[in-house]
Amino acid sequence: MNKQSRKIIWDYDFRKIDLRKPEVKIWYLNRKLRFGDLLGLKKIDLKKYLPKLDINPSLKELLKNYLKNRA
């Protein structure tokens, strides 16, 4: 976990977070994107979970276009 992520996930013990679980991965991606932390995000995760993310619609559209153009 990078230093920026530690600032965003201050209220959880990151060592106990199981990012293999889809619901946890969605929570994690939502949190990172809401705080503007793009470090360490994988395109494959964004493609897979983007439709399920509860983020700003403009940001979601921007990410959709970015991923579409980077296929």
PDB file of N, CA and C in Angstrom:
ATOM      1  N   MET A   1       0.853  -1.182   0.000  1.00  0.00           N
ATOM      2  CA  MET A   1       0.000   0.000   0.000  1.00  0.00           C
ATOM      3  C   MET A   1       0.890   1.233   0.000  1.00  0.00           C
ATOM      4  N   ASN A   2       0.557   2.185  -0.862  1.00  0.00           N
ATOM      5  CA  ASN A   2       1.367   3.393  -0.933  1.00  0.00           C
ATOM      6  C   ASN A   2       0.981   4.371   0.183  1.00  0.00           C
ATOM      7  N   LYS A   3       1.801   5.379   0.350  1.00  0.00           N
ATOM      8  CA  LYS A   3       1.608   6.363   1.426  1.00  0.00           C
ATOM      9  C   LYS A   3       0.270   7.082   1.293  1.00  0.00           C
ATOM     10  N   GLN A   4      -0.119   7.404   0.062  1.00  0.00           N
ATOM     11  CA  GLN A   4      -1.399   8.080  -0.172  1.00  0.00           C
ATOM     12  C   GLN A   4      -2.560   7.199   0.267  1.00  0.00           C
ATOM     13  N   SER A   5      -2.495   5.903  -0.026  1.00  0.00           N
ATOM     14  CA  SER A   5      -3.568   4.986   0.368  1.00  0.00           C
ATOM     15  C   SER A   5      -3.707   4.917   1.880  1.00  0.00           C
ATOM     16  N   ARG A   6      -2.595   4.987   2.592  1.00  0.00           N
ATOM     17  CA  ARG A   6      -2.656   4.966   4.066  1.00  0.00           C
ATOM     18  C   ARG A   6      -3.439   6.161   4.587  1.00  0.00           C
ATOM     19  N   LYS A   7      -3.324   7.290   3.912  1.00  0.00           N
ATOM     20  CA  LYS A   7      -4.075   8.480   4.325  1.00  0.00           C
ATOM     21  C   LYS A   7      -5.571   8.291   4.076  1.00  0.00           C
ATOM     22  N   ILE A   8      -5.910   7.560   3.037  1.00  0.00           N
ATOM     23  CA  ILE A   8      -7.308   7.360   2.658  1.00  0.00           C
ATOM     24  C   ILE A   8      -7.965   6.258   3.478  1.00  0.00           C
ATOM     25  N   ILE A   9      -7.208   5.250   3.825  1.00  0.00           N
ATOM     26  CA  ILE A   9      -7.739   4.103   4.566  1.00  0.00           C
ATOM     27  C   ILE A   9      -7.255   4.195   6.017  1.00  0.00           C
ATOM     28  N   TRP A  10      -7.435   5.320   6.642  1.00  0.00           N
ATOM     29  CA  TRP A  10      -6.955   5.523   8.004  1.00  0.00           C
ATOM     30  C   TRP A  10      -7.785   4.778   9.044  1.00  0.00           C
ATOM     31  N   ASP A  11      -9.028   4.474   8.711  1.00  0.00           N
ATOM     32  CA  ASP A  11      -9.936   3.912   9.707  1.00  0.00           C
ATOM     33  C   ASP A  11     -10.063   2.392   9.635  1.00  0.00           C
ATOM     34  N   TYR A  12      -9.195   1.740   8.848  1.00  0.00           N
ATOM     35  CA  TYR A  12      -9.193   0.282   8.716  1.00  0.00           C
ATOM     36  C   TYR A  12      -7.760  -0.222   8.786  1.00  0.00           C
ATOM     37  N   ASP A  13      -7.602  -1.423   9.273  1.00  0.00           N
ATOM     38  CA  ASP A  13      -6.300  -2.079   9.247  1.00  0.00           C
ATOM     39  C   ASP A  13      -6.151  -2.710   7.867  1.00  0.00           C
ATOM     40  N   PHE A  14      -5.362  -2.084   7.030  1.00  0.00           N
ATOM     41  CA  PHE A  14      -5.259  -2.509   5.632  1.00  0.00           C
ATOM     42  C   PHE A  14      -4.776  -3.948   5.513  1.00  0.00           C
ATOM     43  N   ARG A  15      -4.011  -4.416   6.483  1.00  0.00           N
ATOM     44  CA  ARG A  15      -3.516  -5.794   6.431  1.00  0.00           C
ATOM     45  C   ARG A  15      -4.648  -6.807   6.558  1.00  0.00           C
ATOM     46  N   LYS A  16      -5.781  -6.371   7.091  1.00  0.00           N
ATOM     47  CA  LYS A  16      -6.913  -7.277   7.278  1.00  0.00           C
ATOM     48  C   LYS A  16      -7.965  -7.162   6.174  1.00  0.00           C
ATOM     49  N   ILE A  17      -7.744  -6.275   5.229  1.00  0.00           N
ATOM     50  CA  ILE A  17      -8.685  -6.079   4.129  1.00  0.00           C
ATOM     51  C   ILE A  17      -8.395  -7.111   3.044  1.00  0.00           C
ATOM     52  N   ASP A  18      -9.401  -7.884   2.676  1.00  0.00           N
ATOM     53  CA  ASP A  18      -9.241  -8.940   1.664  1.00  0.00           C
ATOM     54  C   ASP A  18      -9.746  -8.429   0.311  1.00  0.00           C
ATOM     55  N   LEU A  19      -8.833  -7.925  -0.488  1.00  0.00           N
ATOM     56  CA  LEU A  19      -9.206  -7.345  -1.781  1.00  0.00           C
ATOM     57  C   LEU A  19      -9.596  -8.392  -2.817  1.00  0.00           C
ATOM     58  N   ARG A  20      -9.533  -9.663  -2.454  1.00  0.00           N
ATOM     59  CA  ARG A  20      -9.989 -10.713  -3.371  1.00  0.00           C
ATOM     60  C   ARG A  20     -11.512 -10.818  -3.370  1.00  0.00           C
ATOM     61  N   LYS A  21     -12.144 -10.284  -2.336  1.00  0.00           N
ATOM     62  CA  LYS A  21     -13.604 -10.302  -2.252  1.00  0.00           C
ATOM     63  C   LYS A  21     -14.149  -9.137  -3.086  1.00  0.00           C
ATOM     64  N   PRO A  22     -15.062  -9.421  -4.016  1.00  0.00           N
ATOM     65  CA  PRO A  22     -15.572  -8.355  -4.888  1.00  0.00           C
ATOM     66  C   PRO A  22     -16.166  -7.161  -4.137  1.00  0.00           C
ATOM     67  N   GLU A  23     -16.901  -7.408  -3.063  1.00  0.00           N
ATOM     68  CA  GLU A  23     -17.513  -6.292  -2.346  1.00  0.00           C
ATOM     69  C   GLU A  23     -16.466  -5.419  -1.661  1.00  0.00           C
ATOM     70  N   VAL A  24     -15.373  -6.015  -1.238  1.00  0.00           N
ATOM     71  CA  VAL A  24     -14.287  -5.255  -0.622  1.00  0.00           C
ATOM     72  C   VAL A  24     -13.531  -4.481  -1.701  1.00  0.00           C
ATOM     73  N   LYS A  25     -13.304  -5.097  -2.838  1.00  0.00           N
ATOM     74  CA  LYS A  25     -12.617  -4.430  -3.947  1.00  0.00           C
ATOM     75  C   LYS A  25     -13.421  -3.211  -4.409  1.00  0.00           C
ATOM     76  N   ILE A  26     -14.747  -3.340  -4.492  1.00  0.00           N
ATOM     77  CA  ILE A  26     -15.601  -2.220  -4.887  1.00  0.00           C
ATOM     78  C   ILE A  26     -15.502  -1.100  -3.862  1.00  0.00           C
ATOM     79  N   TRP A  27     -15.546  -1.439  -2.582  1.00  0.00           N
ATOM     80  CA  TRP A  27     -15.416  -0.434  -1.514  1.00  0.00           C
ATOM     81  C   TRP A  27     -14.074   0.292  -1.646  1.00  0.00           C
ATOM     82  N   TYR A  28     -13.009  -0.484  -1.849  1.00  0.00           N
ATOM     83  CA  TYR A  28     -11.661   0.068  -1.951  1.00  0.00           C
ATOM     84  C   TYR A  28     -11.534   1.010  -3.159  1.00  0.00           C
ATOM     85  N   LEU A  29     -12.029   0.585  -4.300  1.00  0.00           N
ATOM     86  CA  LEU A  29     -11.964   1.421  -5.499  1.00  0.00           C
ATOM     87  C   LEU A  29     -12.780   2.697  -5.328  1.00  0.00           C
ATOM     88  N   ASN A  30     -13.977   2.571  -4.762  1.00  0.00           N
ATOM     89  CA  ASN A  30     -14.797   3.752  -4.492  1.00  0.00           C
ATOM     90  C   ASN A  30     -14.033   4.746  -3.633  1.00  0.00           C
ATOM     91  N   ARG A  31     -13.441   4.254  -2.574  1.00  0.00           N
ATOM     92  CA  ARG A  31     -12.744   5.114  -1.625  1.00  0.00           C
ATOM     93  C   ARG A  31     -11.549   5.797  -2.290  1.00  0.00           C
ATOM     94  N   LYS A  32     -10.743   5.028  -3.013  1.00  0.00           N
ATOM     95  CA  LYS A  32      -9.569   5.619  -3.664  1.00  0.00           C
ATOM     96  C   LYS A  32      -9.971   6.678  -4.695  1.00  0.00           C
ATOM     97  N   LEU A  33     -10.975   6.378  -5.490  1.00  0.00           N
ATOM     98  CA  LEU A  33     -11.386   7.323  -6.530  1.00  0.00           C
ATOM     99  C   LEU A  33     -12.032   8.569  -5.947  1.00  0.00           C
ATOM    100  N   ARG A  34     -12.796   8.418  -4.888  1.00  0.00           N
ATOM    101  CA  ARG A  34     -13.412   9.597  -4.254  1.00  0.00           C
ATOM    102  C   ARG A  34     -12.368  10.540  -3.689  1.00  0.00           C
ATOM    103  N   PHE A  35     -11.243   9.993  -3.246  1.00  0.00           N
ATOM    104  CA  PHE A  35     -10.174  10.819  -2.693  1.00  0.00           C
ATOM    105  C   PHE A  35      -9.142  11.214  -3.749  1.00  0.00           C
ATOM    106  N   GLY A  36      -9.329  10.775  -4.984  1.00  0.00           N
ATOM    107  CA  GLY A  36      -8.438  11.162  -6.065  1.00  0.00           C
ATOM    108  C   GLY A  36      -7.113  10.432  -6.070  1.00  0.00           C
ATOM    109  N   ASP A  37      -7.059   9.254  -5.453  1.00  0.00           N
ATOM    110  CA  ASP A  37      -5.828   8.471  -5.412  1.00  0.00           C
ATOM    111  C   ASP A  37      -5.873   7.413  -6.513  1.00  0.00           C
ATOM    112  N   LEU A  38      -5.130   7.655  -7.583  1.00  0.00           N
ATOM    113  CA  LEU A  38      -5.113   6.726  -8.707  1.00  0.00           C
ATOM    114  C   LEU A  38      -3.918   5.772  -8.656  1.00  0.00           C
ATOM    115  N   LEU A  39      -3.007   6.001  -7.727  1.00  0.00           N
ATOM    116  CA  LEU A  39      -1.821   5.159  -7.635  1.00  0.00           C
ATOM    117  C   LEU A  39      -2.194   3.721  -7.295  1.00  0.00           C
ATOM    118  N   GLY A  40      -1.626   2.814  -8.030  1.00  0.00           N
ATOM    119  CA  GLY A  40      -1.824   1.406  -7.750  1.00  0.00           C
ATOM    120  C   GLY A  40      -3.101   0.805  -8.311  1.00  0.00           C
ATOM    121  N   LEU A  41      -3.939   1.624  -8.957  1.00  0.00           N
ATOM    122  CA  LEU A  41      -5.164   1.080  -9.543  1.00  0.00           C
ATOM    123  C   LEU A  41      -4.826   0.365 -10.843  1.00  0.00           C
ATOM    124  N   LYS A  42      -5.438  -0.782 -11.030  1.00  0.00           N
ATOM    125  CA  LYS A  42      -5.199  -1.567 -12.230  1.00  0.00           C
ATOM    126  C   LYS A  42      -6.353  -1.388 -13.208  1.00  0.00           C
ATOM    127  N   LYS A  43      -6.013  -1.255 -14.491  1.00  0.00           N
ATOM    128  CA  LYS A  43      -7.038  -1.082 -15.518  1.00  0.00           C
ATOM    129  C   LYS A  43      -8.019  -2.243 -15.515  1.00  0.00           C
ATOM    130  N   ILE A  44      -7.518  -3.433 -15.293  1.00  0.00           N
ATOM    131  CA  ILE A  44      -8.391  -4.614 -15.304  1.00  0.00           C
ATOM    132  C   ILE A  44      -9.456  -4.519 -14.196  1.00  0.00           C
ATOM    133  N   ASP A  45      -9.067  -3.992 -13.030  1.00  0.00           N
ATOM    134  CA  ASP A  45     -10.024  -3.815 -11.936  1.00  0.00           C
ATOM    135  C   ASP A  45     -11.038  -2.726 -12.266  1.00  0.00           C
ATOM    136  N   LEU A  46     -10.550  -1.636 -12.847  1.00  0.00           N
ATOM    137  CA  LEU A  46     -11.469  -0.556 -13.211  1.00  0.00           C
ATOM    138  C   LEU A  46     -12.476  -1.033 -14.247  1.00  0.00           C
ATOM    139  N   LYS A  47     -12.010  -1.765 -15.260  1.00  0.00           N
ATOM    140  CA  LYS A  47     -12.924  -2.274 -16.286  1.00  0.00           C
ATOM    141  C   LYS A  47     -13.975  -3.194 -15.675  1.00  0.00           C
ATOM    142  N   LYS A  48     -13.541  -4.041 -14.790  1.00  0.00           N
ATOM    143  CA  LYS A  48     -14.435  -5.031 -14.195  1.00  0.00           C
ATOM    144  C   LYS A  48     -15.467  -4.401 -13.258  1.00  0.00           C
ATOM    145  N   TYR A  49     -15.038  -3.451 -12.442  1.00  0.00           N
ATOM    146  CA  TYR A  49     -15.904  -2.939 -11.380  1.00  0.00           C
ATOM    147  C   TYR A  49     -16.510  -1.562 -11.657  1.00  0.00           C
ATOM    148  N   LEU A  50     -16.083  -0.891 -12.697  1.00  0.00           N
ATOM    149  CA  LEU A  50     -16.572   0.468 -12.958  1.00  0.00           C
ATOM    150  C   LEU A  50     -18.098   0.582 -12.962  1.00  0.00           C
ATOM    151  N   PRO A  51     -18.822  -0.328 -13.584  1.00  0.00           N
ATOM    152  CA  PRO A  51     -20.280  -0.195 -13.572  1.00  0.00           C
ATOM    153  C   PRO A  51     -20.889  -0.256 -12.157  1.00  0.00           C
ATOM    154  N   LYS A  52     -20.188  -0.869 -11.232  1.00  0.00           N
ATOM    155  CA  LYS A  52     -20.707  -1.029  -9.873  1.00  0.00           C
ATOM    156  C   LYS A  52     -20.245   0.064  -8.922  1.00  0.00           C
ATOM    157  N   LEU A  53     -19.363   0.932  -9.368  1.00  0.00           N
ATOM    158  CA  LEU A  53     -18.817   1.957  -8.479  1.00  0.00           C
ATOM    159  C   LEU A  53     -19.799   3.098  -8.276  1.00  0.00           C
ATOM    160  N   ASP A  54     -19.834   3.591  -7.059  1.00  0.00           N
ATOM    161  CA  ASP A  54     -20.686   4.716  -6.693  1.00  0.00           C
ATOM    162  C   ASP A  54     -19.805   5.963  -6.601  1.00  0.00           C
ATOM    163  N   ILE A  55     -19.463   6.489  -7.771  1.00  0.00           N
ATOM    164  CA  ILE A  55     -18.605   7.667  -7.851  1.00  0.00           C
ATOM    165  C   ILE A  55     -19.308   8.730  -8.683  1.00  0.00           C
ATOM    166  N   ASN A  56     -18.734   9.899  -8.700  1.00  0.00           N
ATOM    167  CA  ASN A  56     -19.263  11.012  -9.475  1.00  0.00           C
ATOM    168  C   ASN A  56     -19.485  10.560 -10.920  1.00  0.00           C
ATOM    169  N   PRO A  57     -20.674  10.815 -11.481  1.00  0.00           N
ATOM    170  CA  PRO A  57     -20.964  10.389 -12.853  1.00  0.00           C
ATOM    171  C   PRO A  57     -19.967  10.930 -13.888  1.00  0.00           C
ATOM    172  N   SER A  58     -19.482  12.142 -13.681  1.00  0.00           N
ATOM    173  CA  SER A  58     -18.497  12.702 -14.618  1.00  0.00           C
ATOM    174  C   SER A  58     -17.188  11.935 -14.557  1.00  0.00           C
ATOM    175  N   LEU A  59     -16.762  11.562 -13.361  1.00  0.00           N
ATOM    176  CA  LEU A  59     -15.546  10.775 -13.204  1.00  0.00           C
ATOM    177  C   LEU A  59     -15.731   9.392 -13.815  1.00  0.00           C
ATOM    178  N   LYS A  60     -16.895   8.815 -13.623  1.00  0.00           N
ATOM    179  CA  LYS A  60     -17.178   7.500 -14.178  1.00  0.00           C
ATOM    180  C   LYS A  60     -17.113   7.556 -15.713  1.00  0.00           C
ATOM    181  N   GLU A  61     -17.678   8.579 -16.296  1.00  0.00           N
ATOM    182  CA  GLU A  61     -17.650   8.741 -17.758  1.00  0.00           C
ATOM    183  C   GLU A  61     -16.221   8.951 -18.258  1.00  0.00           C
ATOM    184  N   LEU A  62     -15.459   9.759 -17.543  1.00  0.00           N
ATOM    185  CA  LEU A  62     -14.066   9.987 -17.893  1.00  0.00           C
ATOM    186  C   LEU A  62     -13.286   8.676 -17.880  1.00  0.00           C
ATOM    187  N   LEU A  63     -13.477   7.870 -16.850  1.00  0.00           N
ATOM    188  CA  LEU A  63     -12.785   6.584 -16.751  1.00  0.00           C
ATOM    189  C   LEU A  63     -13.235   5.620 -17.842  1.00  0.00           C
ATOM    190  N   LYS A  64     -14.527   5.611 -18.170  1.00  0.00           N
ATOM    191  CA  LYS A  64     -15.026   4.775 -19.263  1.00  0.00           C
ATOM    192  C   LYS A  64     -14.331   5.117 -20.571  1.00  0.00           C
ATOM    193  N   ASN A  65     -14.249   6.408 -20.860  1.00  0.00           N
ATOM    194  CA  ASN A  65     -13.604   6.850 -22.104  1.00  0.00           C
ATOM    195  C   ASN A  65     -12.120   6.537 -22.091  1.00  0.00           C
ATOM    196  N   TYR A  66     -11.474   6.708 -20.975  1.00  0.00           N
ATOM    197  CA  TYR A  66     -10.048   6.391 -20.853  1.00  0.00           C
ATOM    198  C   TYR A  66      -9.817   4.899 -21.114  1.00  0.00           C
ATOM    199  N   LEU A  67     -10.615   4.062 -20.492  1.00  0.00           N
ATOM    200  CA  LEU A  67     -10.444   2.622 -20.641  1.00  0.00           C
ATOM    201  C   LEU A  67     -10.784   2.153 -22.057  1.00  0.00           C
ATOM    202  N   LYS A  68     -11.770   2.793 -22.666  1.00  0.00           N
ATOM    203  CA  LYS A  68     -12.165   2.431 -24.024  1.00  0.00           C
ATOM    204  C   LYS A  68     -11.050   2.743 -25.006  1.00  0.00           C
ATOM    205  N   ASN A  69     -10.389   3.849 -24.792  1.00  0.00           N
ATOM    206  CA  ASN A  69      -9.312   4.285 -25.694  1.00  0.00           C
ATOM    207  C   ASN A  69      -7.999   3.584 -25.415  1.00  0.00           C
ATOM    208  N   ARG A  70      -7.934   2.808 -24.334  1.00  0.00           N
ATOM    209  CA  ARG A  70      -6.702   2.110 -23.955  1.00  0.00           C
ATOM    210  C   ARG A  70      -6.863   0.607 -24.039  1.00  0.00           C
ATOM    211  N   ALA A  71      -7.776   0.143 -24.861  1.00  0.00           N
ATOM    212  CA  ALA A  71      -8.063  -1.294 -24.962  1.00  0.00           C
ATOM    213  C   ALA A  71      -6.928  -2.047 -25.483  1.00  0.00           C
TER     214      ALA A  71
END
